[in-house]
Amino acid sequence: MTGEIAIRAGGAADAPAVAALHARSWRTAYAGLVPDEALGDGLAAEREEIWAIRLTADYGDPASTPTLLVAEDPDGPVGFAYLVPEPDGRVLLDNLHVSPGRTGGGIGSRLLRAALDRAAPAVLRLEVLCDNRRAVAFYEREGGLRTDERTGHFPGGYELPEYEYSWPAASHRP
C-alpha cells in the first residue's frame, strides 16, 4: 500500500538514510548478479561517501544540478530516485531503489512517475543490468522502451551486460 507514502525533494540531510537504503537494496537486488566483493563489507561506507558527495556538491547551474526524490512513510525513507541532467538534454535516472521488503507495493511506480514529471519535457533514460529480470520487467511494465544494449564497466574492474531504457518526452504520463 502506498497511500501513506509521500514523495519529496531530498537534500544533504538525507545522505545517511539514502546510503543505508541503497546498500540494503544492492545486497538484495544484485545478489548473484554482481561479484560478491561488490556487495561486501565496504559497500555501506562506499555508499555513504558517494551520497555525501553527491548531495553536497555545487553543480553550478541549477539546470545541471541532479535531483534526489525521496519516498517516505511516517517511519522514514522507503525509496529514492536520483536524476542527473545530461549534456545532450536527456535526464539519467541514475538510481531508483525501494527498501527490501517494500518492493512490489507501488512505491517504485510512484517514484518513476515523479521522476518522469521532474524530467519533463526531456527524455528520461536509465541503465539496468540485463540479468536483473525483476527490474527489467518493472521498467517494461512502466512503459520504458529498450533503446540500447551494451557492456557496463563498474568499479572493481568488472563488466556486465546492461540495457538502456528510455521514456521519450511524448510518452510521459500526465
C-alpha atoms as a PDB file:
ATOM      1  CA  MET A   1       0.000   0.000   0.000  1.00  0.00           C
ATOM      2  CA  THR A   2       1.371   3.404  -0.973  1.00  0.00           C
ATOM      3  CA  GLY A   3      -1.312   5.737   0.406  1.00  0.00           C
ATOM      4  CA  GLU A   4       0.842   6.675   3.389  1.00  0.00           C
ATOM      5  CA  ILE A   5       3.873   7.327   1.185  1.00  0.00           C
ATOM      6  CA  ALA A   6       4.890  10.898   0.407  1.00  0.00           C
ATOM      7  CA  ILE A   7       7.423  11.808  -2.266  1.00  0.00           C
ATOM      8  CA  ARG A   8       9.508  14.893  -1.673  1.00  0.00           C
ATOM      9  CA  ALA A   9      12.684  16.539  -2.909  1.00  0.00           C
ATOM     10  CA  GLY A  10      15.671  15.349  -0.928  1.00  0.00           C
ATOM     11  CA  GLY A  11      18.829  17.056   0.196  1.00  0.00           C
ATOM     12  CA  ALA A  12      22.103  16.689   2.064  1.00  0.00           C
ATOM     13  CA  ALA A  13      20.376  15.707   5.314  1.00  0.00           C
ATOM     14  CA  ASP A  14      19.040  12.600   3.542  1.00  0.00           C
ATOM     15  CA  ALA A  15      22.502  11.257   2.654  1.00  0.00           C
ATOM     16  CA  PRO A  16      22.871   8.782   5.570  1.00  0.00           C
ATOM     17  CA  ALA A  17      19.391   7.254   5.137  1.00  0.00           C
ATOM     18  CA  VAL A  18      19.690   7.096   1.345  1.00  0.00           C
ATOM     19  CA  ALA A  19      23.146   5.484   1.584  1.00  0.00           C
ATOM     20  CA  ALA A  20      21.897   2.828   4.015  1.00  0.00           C
ATOM     21  CA  LEU A  21      18.820   2.081   1.888  1.00  0.00           C
ATOM     22  CA  HIS A  22      20.996   1.955  -1.242  1.00  0.00           C
ATOM     23  CA  ALA A  23      23.392  -0.584   0.314  1.00  0.00           C
ATOM     24  CA  ARG A  24      20.500  -2.787   1.553  1.00  0.00           C
ATOM     25  CA  SER A  25      18.842  -2.631  -1.845  1.00  0.00           C
ATOM     26  CA  TRP A  26      22.044  -3.555  -3.703  1.00  0.00           C
ATOM     27  CA  ARG A  27      22.673  -6.512  -1.415  1.00  0.00           C
ATOM     28  CA  THR A  28      19.170  -7.814  -2.076  1.00  0.00           C
ATOM     29  CA  ALA A  29      18.634  -6.955  -5.752  1.00  0.00           C
ATOM     30  CA  TYR A  30      22.161  -7.653  -7.019  1.00  0.00           C
ATOM     31  CA  ALA A  31      22.997 -10.830  -5.091  1.00  0.00           C
ATOM     32  CA  GLY A  32      24.127 -13.355  -7.681  1.00  0.00           C
ATOM     33  CA  LEU A  33      24.246 -10.694 -10.410  1.00  0.00           C
ATOM     34  CA  VAL A  34      27.429  -8.865  -9.446  1.00  0.00           C
ATOM     35  CA  PRO A  35      30.597 -10.223  -7.869  1.00  0.00           C
ATOM     36  CA  ASP A  36      30.213 -10.895  -4.138  1.00  0.00           C
ATOM     37  CA  GLU A  37      33.060  -8.497  -3.312  1.00  0.00           C
ATOM     38  CA  ALA A  38      30.992  -5.619  -4.774  1.00  0.00           C
ATOM     39  CA  LEU A  39      28.352  -6.282  -2.101  1.00  0.00           C
ATOM     40  CA  GLY A  40      30.764  -6.902   0.765  1.00  0.00           C
ATOM     41  CA  ASP A  41      31.692  -5.118   3.949  1.00  0.00           C
ATOM     42  CA  GLY A  42      32.832  -1.903   2.269  1.00  0.00           C
ATOM     43  CA  LEU A  43      29.560  -1.300   0.417  1.00  0.00           C
ATOM     44  CA  ALA A  44      27.808   0.725   3.124  1.00  0.00           C
ATOM     45  CA  ALA A  45      30.802   3.023   3.683  1.00  0.00           C
ATOM     46  CA  GLU A  46      31.242   3.473  -0.070  1.00  0.00           C
ATOM     47  CA  ARG A  47      27.574   4.421  -0.474  1.00  0.00           C
ATOM     48  CA  GLU A  48      27.825   6.858   2.478  1.00  0.00           C
ATOM     49  CA  GLU A  49      30.784   8.613   0.886  1.00  0.00           C
ATOM     50  CA  ILE A  50      29.158   8.762  -2.552  1.00  0.00           C
ATOM     51  CA  TRP A  51      25.855  10.162  -1.267  1.00  0.00           C
ATOM     52  CA  ALA A  52      27.553  12.714   0.981  1.00  0.00           C
ATOM     53  CA  ILE A  53      29.497  13.998  -2.043  1.00  0.00           C
ATOM     54  CA  ARG A  54      26.536  13.898  -4.442  1.00  0.00           C
ATOM     55  CA  LEU A  55      24.195  15.739  -2.109  1.00  0.00           C
ATOM     56  CA  THR A  56      26.600  18.487  -1.041  1.00  0.00           C
ATOM     57  CA  ALA A  57      28.379  19.193  -4.338  1.00  0.00           C
ATOM     58  CA  ASP A  58      27.943  22.526  -6.077  1.00  0.00           C
ATOM     59  CA  TYR A  59      26.918  21.731  -9.639  1.00  0.00           C
ATOM     60  CA  GLY A  60      26.752  25.397 -10.625  1.00  0.00           C
ATOM     61  CA  ASP A  61      23.866  25.972 -12.974  1.00  0.00           C
ATOM     62  CA  PRO A  62      20.566  24.747 -11.489  1.00  0.00           C
ATOM     63  CA  ALA A  63      19.765  23.117 -14.837  1.00  0.00           C
ATOM     64  CA  SER A  64      22.842  20.903 -14.337  1.00  0.00           C
ATOM     65  CA  THR A  65      22.074  20.022 -10.721  1.00  0.00           C
ATOM     66  CA  PRO A  66      20.882  16.472 -10.019  1.00  0.00           C
ATOM     67  CA  THR A  67      17.641  15.903  -8.132  1.00  0.00           C
ATOM     68  CA  LEU A  68      17.019  13.453  -5.308  1.00  0.00           C
ATOM     69  CA  LEU A  69      13.434  12.286  -4.835  1.00  0.00           C
ATOM     70  CA  VAL A  70      12.691  10.538  -1.544  1.00  0.00           C
ATOM     71  CA  ALA A  71       9.679   8.312  -0.898  1.00  0.00           C
ATOM     72  CA  GLU A  72       8.915   8.143   2.789  1.00  0.00           C
ATOM     73  CA  ASP A  73       6.338   6.857   5.199  1.00  0.00           C
ATOM     74  CA  PRO A  74       5.908   8.070   8.797  1.00  0.00           C
ATOM     75  CA  ASP A  75       8.954   5.971   9.825  1.00  0.00           C
ATOM     76  CA  GLY A  76      11.317   7.491   7.259  1.00  0.00           C
ATOM     77  CA  PRO A  77      12.633   6.879   3.733  1.00  0.00           C
ATOM     78  CA  VAL A  78      11.433   3.738   1.939  1.00  0.00           C
ATOM     79  CA  GLY A  79      12.733   4.541  -1.534  1.00  0.00           C
ATOM     80  CA  PHE A  80      14.537   7.094  -3.627  1.00  0.00           C
ATOM     81  CA  ALA A  81      15.274   8.136  -7.183  1.00  0.00           C
ATOM     82  CA  TYR A  82      18.207  10.251  -8.359  1.00  0.00           C
ATOM     83  CA  LEU A  83      18.016  12.202 -11.612  1.00  0.00           C
ATOM     84  CA  VAL A  84      21.069  13.590 -13.378  1.00  0.00           C
ATOM     85  CA  PRO A  85      20.721  16.118 -16.236  1.00  0.00           C
ATOM     86  CA  GLU A  86      22.937  15.142 -19.168  1.00  0.00           C
ATOM     87  CA  PRO A  87      24.721  17.465 -21.617  1.00  0.00           C
ATOM     88  CA  ASP A  88      22.674  16.071 -24.527  1.00  0.00           C
ATOM     89  CA  GLY A  89      19.423  17.265 -22.923  1.00  0.00           C
ATOM     90  CA  ARG A  90      18.279  13.889 -21.619  1.00  0.00           C
ATOM     91  CA  VAL A  91      17.944  13.057 -17.933  1.00  0.00           C
ATOM     92  CA  LEU A  92      19.593   9.941 -16.472  1.00  0.00           C
ATOM     93  CA  LEU A  93      17.625   8.121 -13.802  1.00  0.00           C
ATOM     94  CA  ASP A  94      20.834   7.098 -12.080  1.00  0.00           C
ATOM     95  CA  ASN A  95      19.140   5.271  -9.212  1.00  0.00           C
ATOM     96  CA  LEU A  96      15.678   4.045  -8.325  1.00  0.00           C
ATOM     97  CA  HIS A  97      15.623   1.880  -5.215  1.00  0.00           C
ATOM     98  CA  VAL A  98      12.910   0.728  -2.835  1.00  0.00           C
ATOM     99  CA  SER A  99      13.624  -0.761   0.574  1.00  0.00           C
ATOM    100  CA  PRO A 100      13.855  -4.550   0.553  1.00  0.00           C
ATOM    101  CA  GLY A 101      10.563  -5.901   1.815  1.00  0.00           C
ATOM    102  CA  ARG A 102       8.670  -2.910   0.410  1.00  0.00           C
ATOM    103  CA  THR A 103       9.058  -3.759  -3.295  1.00  0.00           C
ATOM    104  CA  GLY A 104       6.002  -4.708  -5.303  1.00  0.00           C
ATOM    105  CA  GLY A 105       3.698  -2.319  -3.453  1.00  0.00           C
ATOM    106  CA  GLY A 106       3.691   0.622  -5.863  1.00  0.00           C
ATOM    107  CA  ILE A 107       6.460   2.741  -4.328  1.00  0.00           C
ATOM    108  CA  GLY A 108       8.750   2.242  -7.332  1.00  0.00           C
ATOM    109  CA  SER A 109       5.927   3.168  -9.727  1.00  0.00           C
ATOM    110  CA  ARG A 110       5.247   6.357  -7.806  1.00  0.00           C
ATOM    111  CA  LEU A 111       8.953   7.253  -7.771  1.00  0.00           C
ATOM    112  CA  LEU A 112       9.229   6.594 -11.507  1.00  0.00           C
ATOM    113  CA  ARG A 113       6.172   8.764 -12.241  1.00  0.00           C
ATOM    114  CA  ALA A 114       7.651  11.536 -10.081  1.00  0.00           C
ATOM    115  CA  ALA A 115      10.953  11.198 -11.970  1.00  0.00           C
ATOM    116  CA  LEU A 116       9.147  11.402 -15.316  1.00  0.00           C
ATOM    117  CA  ASP A 117       7.295  14.509 -14.148  1.00  0.00           C
ATOM    118  CA  ARG A 118      10.511  16.101 -12.900  1.00  0.00           C
ATOM    119  CA  ALA A 119      12.385  15.276 -16.122  1.00  0.00           C
ATOM    120  CA  ALA A 120       9.658  16.535 -18.463  1.00  0.00           C
ATOM    121  CA  PRO A 121       9.891  17.558 -21.192  1.00  0.00           C
ATOM    122  CA  ALA A 122      13.273  15.814 -21.516  1.00  0.00           C
ATOM    123  CA  VAL A 123      13.736  12.154 -22.377  1.00  0.00           C
ATOM    124  CA  LEU A 124      14.294  10.113 -19.213  1.00  0.00           C
ATOM    125  CA  ARG A 125      16.687   7.188 -19.537  1.00  0.00           C
ATOM    126  CA  LEU A 126      18.269   4.593 -17.279  1.00  0.00           C
ATOM    127  CA  GLU A 127      20.663   1.675 -17.368  1.00  0.00           C
ATOM    128  CA  VAL A 128      19.801  -1.692 -15.836  1.00  0.00           C
ATOM    129  CA  LEU A 129      21.701  -4.972 -15.658  1.00  0.00           C
ATOM    130  CA  CYS A 130      20.345  -7.385 -18.269  1.00  0.00           C
ATOM    131  CA  ASP A 131      20.190 -10.143 -15.653  1.00  0.00           C
ATOM    132  CA  ASN A 132      18.163  -8.011 -13.228  1.00  0.00           C
ATOM    133  CA  ARG A 133      14.963  -9.575 -14.556  1.00  0.00           C
ATOM    134  CA  ARG A 134      12.704  -8.075 -11.898  1.00  0.00           C
ATOM    135  CA  ALA A 135      13.861  -4.538 -12.717  1.00  0.00           C
ATOM    136  CA  VAL A 136      13.712  -5.162 -16.474  1.00  0.00           C
ATOM    137  CA  ALA A 137      10.118  -6.411 -16.153  1.00  0.00           C
ATOM    138  CA  PHE A 138       9.220  -3.401 -13.986  1.00  0.00           C
ATOM    139  CA  TYR A 139      10.600  -0.848 -16.459  1.00  0.00           C
ATOM    140  CA  GLU A 140       8.874  -2.570 -19.374  1.00  0.00           C
ATOM    141  CA  ARG A 141       5.551  -2.635 -17.469  1.00  0.00           C
ATOM    142  CA  GLU A 142       6.016   1.054 -16.795  1.00  0.00           C
ATOM    143  CA  GLY A 143       6.347   1.867 -20.499  1.00  0.00           C
ATOM    144  CA  GLY A 144      10.115   2.009 -20.849  1.00  0.00           C
ATOM    145  CA  LEU A 145      11.448   1.372 -24.348  1.00  0.00           C
ATOM    146  CA  ARG A 146      14.685  -0.584 -24.674  1.00  0.00           C
ATOM    147  CA  THR A 147      16.906   1.816 -26.586  1.00  0.00           C
ATOM    148  CA  ASP A 148      20.363   0.271 -26.247  1.00  0.00           C
ATOM    149  CA  GLU A 149      22.321  -2.758 -25.104  1.00  0.00           C
ATOM    150  CA  ARG A 150      25.950  -2.557 -24.070  1.00  0.00           C
ATOM    151  CA  THR A 151      28.578  -3.625 -21.584  1.00  0.00           C
ATOM    152  CA  GLY A 152      28.639  -1.677 -18.339  1.00  0.00           C
ATOM    153  CA  HIS A 153      32.005  -1.010 -16.716  1.00  0.00           C
ATOM    154  CA  PHE A 154      31.937  -0.992 -12.910  1.00  0.00           C
ATOM    155  CA  PRO A 155      34.306  -0.049 -10.097  1.00  0.00           C
ATOM    156  CA  GLY A 156      36.495  -3.006  -9.247  1.00  0.00           C
ATOM    157  CA  GLY A 157      37.106  -3.721 -12.935  1.00  0.00           C
ATOM    158  CA  TYR A 158      34.152  -5.968 -13.682  1.00  0.00           C
ATOM    159  CA  GLU A 159      31.964  -5.707 -16.756  1.00  0.00           C
ATOM    160  CA  LEU A 160      28.333  -6.775 -17.062  1.00  0.00           C
ATOM    161  CA  PRO A 161      25.795  -6.567 -19.870  1.00  0.00           C
ATOM    162  CA  GLU A 162      23.191  -3.858 -19.416  1.00  0.00           C
ATOM    163  CA  TYR A 163      20.189  -2.405 -21.193  1.00  0.00           C
ATOM    164  CA  GLU A 164      19.211   1.194 -21.587  1.00  0.00           C
ATOM    165  CA  TYR A 165      15.534   2.065 -21.251  1.00  0.00           C
ATOM    166  CA  SER A 166      14.055   5.405 -22.225  1.00  0.00           C
ATOM    167  CA  TRP A 167      10.791   7.237 -21.896  1.00  0.00           C
ATOM    168  CA  PRO A 168      10.539   9.713 -24.779  1.00  0.00           C
ATOM    169  CA  ALA A 169       9.135  13.076 -23.730  1.00  0.00           C
ATOM    170  CA  ALA A 170       5.922  12.440 -25.681  1.00  0.00           C
ATOM    171  CA  SER A 171       5.250   9.263 -23.672  1.00  0.00           C
ATOM    172  CA  HIS A 172       5.500  10.892 -20.222  1.00  0.00           C
ATOM    173  CA  ARG A 173       2.376  10.350 -18.225  1.00  0.00           C
ATOM    174  CA  PRO A 174       0.146  13.333 -17.476  1.00  0.00           C
END
